[in-house]
Amino acid sequence: MSPMASGPHRVKFPPGRRAIFLAALGTIGLLPLVSCAPKDSPEAQVRALFARAETAAEQRDLAALRPMISDKYADAEGQDKKAIEAVLRFYFLRNQSIHLFTRIQGIEFPEPARARAVVLVAMAGQPIKTGQELERLHADLNRFVITLTYEDKEWKVTAAEWRRAEPGDFL
């Protein structure tokens, strides 16, 4: 069964957690930048978006993240783009240092202009070099299902769902 086939849990985001999904976007890009996909393929474009988002999230740069979120963003918790931006501002104010560690479980394209990515994201206040460090660093561990749509010649996040992950998921 593919990671997409399992039903995601729809959990109301507590304060600060909604912002994690945007950080997840960027973290995906660092892991498999060396991909079998051609440079201009949709998968390579999605990975490039995630790489830019990771850099922006670790730099706490909301201005760089904002255009990566679709104006049509809507999730199961009733959040829209403005709500996600507000959560990001709050999260960036509360966390002066953001470090991300990720594992991509899969990227699928159910339609040519729509993508779904399953991503494991660990967030901590200090660099995370390996999955074995997650427990020692008390990292927040999450599994995201991120939906993207190709709009105006670029990929944008249109929805995200999350649930907690386990340290073993990252190994």
Protein backbone atom coordinates (compact mmCIF):
# COMPACT_ATOMS: atom_id res chain seq x y z
CA MET A 1 0.00 0.00 0.00
CA SER A 2 1.39 3.40 -0.92
CA PRO A 3 1.86 6.11 1.72
CA MET A 4 -0.88 8.07 -0.01
CA ALA A 5 -3.35 5.21 0.39
CA SER A 6 -3.41 5.35 4.16
CA GLY A 7 -6.00 7.80 5.45
CA PRO A 8 -4.44 10.86 7.06
CA HIS A 9 -5.72 11.87 10.46
CA ARG A 10 -7.37 15.25 10.37
CA VAL A 11 -6.15 16.99 13.47
CA LYS A 12 -6.88 20.57 14.50
CA PHE A 13 -3.56 22.40 14.52
CA PRO A 14 -2.57 23.71 17.97
CA PRO A 15 -0.95 27.17 17.98
CA GLY A 16 2.33 27.06 16.11
CA ARG A 17 1.75 23.66 14.51
CA ARG A 18 0.06 24.95 11.38
CA ALA A 19 3.29 26.72 10.52
CA ILE A 20 5.21 23.47 10.53
CA PHE A 21 3.68 22.39 7.23
CA LEU A 22 5.32 25.29 5.39
CA ALA A 23 8.63 24.44 6.93
CA ALA A 24 8.03 20.90 5.71
CA LEU A 25 7.79 22.12 2.16
CA GLY A 26 11.31 23.36 2.11
CA THR A 27 12.85 20.45 3.87
CA ILE A 28 11.83 18.02 1.18
CA GLY A 29 14.17 19.57 -1.32
CA LEU A 30 17.45 18.87 0.44
CA LEU A 31 17.14 15.12 0.69
CA PRO A 32 16.81 13.92 -2.87
CA LEU A 33 18.02 16.80 -4.97
CA VAL A 34 19.90 14.22 -6.95
CA SER A 35 16.87 12.67 -8.54
CA CYS A 36 16.10 10.49 -11.50
CA ALA A 37 13.62 13.11 -12.68
CA PRO A 38 14.67 15.39 -15.54
CA LYS A 39 15.60 18.90 -14.44
CA ASP A 40 12.39 20.51 -15.71
CA SER A 41 10.03 17.69 -14.77
CA PRO A 42 7.08 18.44 -12.46
CA GLU A 43 8.78 16.40 -9.73
CA ALA A 44 11.99 18.42 -10.04
CA GLN A 45 9.95 21.64 -9.91
CA VAL A 46 8.16 20.51 -6.73
CA ARG A 47 11.47 19.53 -5.14
CA ALA A 48 12.93 22.94 -6.05
CA LEU A 49 9.95 24.65 -4.39
CA PHE A 50 10.56 22.60 -1.25
CA ALA A 51 14.27 23.52 -1.28
CA ARG A 52 13.42 27.24 -1.46
CA ALA A 53 10.81 26.85 1.27
CA GLU A 54 13.23 25.08 3.59
CA THR A 55 15.76 27.87 3.26
CA ALA A 56 13.07 30.48 3.87
CA ALA A 57 11.66 28.63 6.90
CA GLU A 58 15.07 28.20 8.53
CA GLN A 59 15.73 31.91 7.91
CA ARG A 60 12.24 32.74 9.26
CA ASP A 61 11.53 34.62 6.02
CA LEU A 62 7.76 34.95 5.68
CA ALA A 63 8.09 37.20 2.63
CA ALA A 64 9.80 34.37 0.75
CA LEU A 65 7.25 31.75 1.90
CA ARG A 66 4.10 33.78 1.18
CA PRO A 67 4.12 33.35 -2.65
CA MET A 68 4.54 29.58 -2.26
CA ILE A 69 1.07 29.33 -0.69
CA SER A 70 -1.87 29.45 -3.06
CA ASP A 71 -4.48 32.15 -2.60
CA LYS A 72 -6.88 29.18 -2.84
CA TYR A 73 -5.27 27.41 0.15
CA ALA A 74 -7.87 25.62 2.28
CA ASP A 75 -7.39 22.72 4.69
CA ALA A 76 -9.63 20.41 6.67
CA GLU A 77 -9.34 22.66 9.73
CA GLY A 78 -10.83 25.60 7.85
CA GLN A 79 -7.53 27.48 7.56
CA ASP A 80 -6.90 29.77 4.59
CA LYS A 81 -3.75 31.51 3.36
CA LYS A 82 -4.12 34.45 5.77
CA ALA A 83 -4.51 32.10 8.75
CA ILE A 84 -1.38 30.17 7.78
CA GLU A 85 0.59 33.40 7.38
CA ALA A 86 -0.52 34.51 10.86
CA VAL A 87 0.57 31.20 12.35
CA LEU A 88 3.94 31.46 10.61
CA ARG A 89 4.49 34.96 11.99
CA PHE A 90 3.69 33.68 15.49
CA TYR A 91 5.93 30.62 15.08
CA PHE A 92 8.85 32.69 13.80
CA LEU A 93 8.51 35.10 16.72
CA ARG A 94 8.51 32.23 19.24
CA ASN A 95 11.42 30.34 17.67
CA GLN A 96 14.60 32.31 17.07
CA SER A 97 16.34 29.23 15.67
CA ILE A 98 14.64 26.72 13.36
CA HIS A 99 16.41 23.62 12.03
CA LEU A 100 14.69 21.02 9.88
CA PHE A 101 15.40 17.36 9.06
CA THR A 102 13.20 15.52 6.56
CA ARG A 103 12.47 12.32 4.75
CA ILE A 104 10.28 12.20 1.65
CA GLN A 105 8.01 9.19 1.63
CA GLY A 106 6.67 9.96 -1.83
CA ILE A 107 5.52 12.46 -4.41
CA GLU A 108 2.62 11.54 -6.67
CA PHE A 109 0.89 13.35 -9.50
CA PRO A 110 -2.76 12.23 -9.56
CA GLU A 111 -3.35 14.84 -12.29
CA PRO A 112 -0.80 16.73 -14.43
CA ALA A 113 -1.35 20.00 -12.53
CA ARG A 114 -1.73 18.50 -9.04
CA ALA A 115 0.82 16.87 -6.76
CA ARG A 116 0.68 15.19 -3.36
CA ALA A 117 3.79 14.74 -1.24
CA VAL A 118 4.14 12.72 1.94
CA VAL A 119 6.95 14.17 4.01
CA LEU A 120 8.39 13.45 7.45
CA VAL A 121 9.66 16.61 9.14
CA ALA A 122 11.63 17.00 12.35
CA MET A 123 12.02 20.49 13.76
CA ALA A 124 14.47 21.51 16.47
CA GLY A 125 16.25 24.56 17.81
CA GLN A 126 19.64 23.24 16.77
CA PRO A 127 20.98 21.43 13.69
CA ILE A 128 19.88 17.82 13.18
CA LYS A 129 22.50 15.84 11.30
CA THR A 130 21.05 12.32 11.51
CA GLY A 131 17.83 10.58 12.43
CA GLN A 132 19.54 9.10 15.49
CA GLU A 133 19.76 12.60 17.03
CA LEU A 134 16.02 13.23 17.03
CA GLU A 135 15.24 11.95 20.52
CA ARG A 136 18.28 13.61 22.10
CA LEU A 137 17.32 16.97 20.58
CA HIS A 138 13.65 16.64 21.59
CA ALA A 139 12.64 17.46 18.01
CA ASP A 140 9.00 17.87 16.99
CA LEU A 141 8.27 14.97 14.62
CA ASN A 142 5.47 15.19 12.07
CA ARG A 143 4.16 13.45 8.95
CA PHE A 144 2.61 15.75 6.35
CA VAL A 145 0.49 15.16 3.30
CA ILE A 146 0.92 18.29 1.20
CA THR A 147 -1.21 19.03 -1.85
CA LEU A 148 0.18 21.34 -4.52
CA THR A 149 -1.36 22.77 -7.67
CA TYR A 150 0.36 24.20 -10.74
CA GLU A 151 -0.88 27.81 -10.91
CA ASP A 152 0.45 30.64 -13.03
CA LYS A 153 3.45 28.59 -14.20
CA GLU A 154 4.57 27.53 -10.70
CA TRP A 155 3.69 24.98 -8.01
CA LYS A 156 1.87 26.29 -4.92
CA VAL A 157 0.63 24.65 -1.73
CA THR A 158 -3.15 24.35 -1.72
CA ALA A 159 -3.67 22.12 1.35
CA ALA A 160 -1.82 20.24 4.07
CA GLU A 161 -2.68 17.59 6.66
CA TRP A 162 -0.47 16.33 9.45
CA ARG A 163 -0.10 13.85 12.26
CA ARG A 164 2.68 12.98 14.67
CA ALA A 165 5.55 10.81 13.47
CA GLU A 166 7.86 8.50 15.43
CA PRO A 167 11.68 8.69 15.55
CA GLY A 168 11.91 5.31 13.81
CA ASP A 169 10.03 6.70 10.82
CA PHE A 170 13.11 8.86 10.04
CA LEU A 171 15.61 6.00 10.01
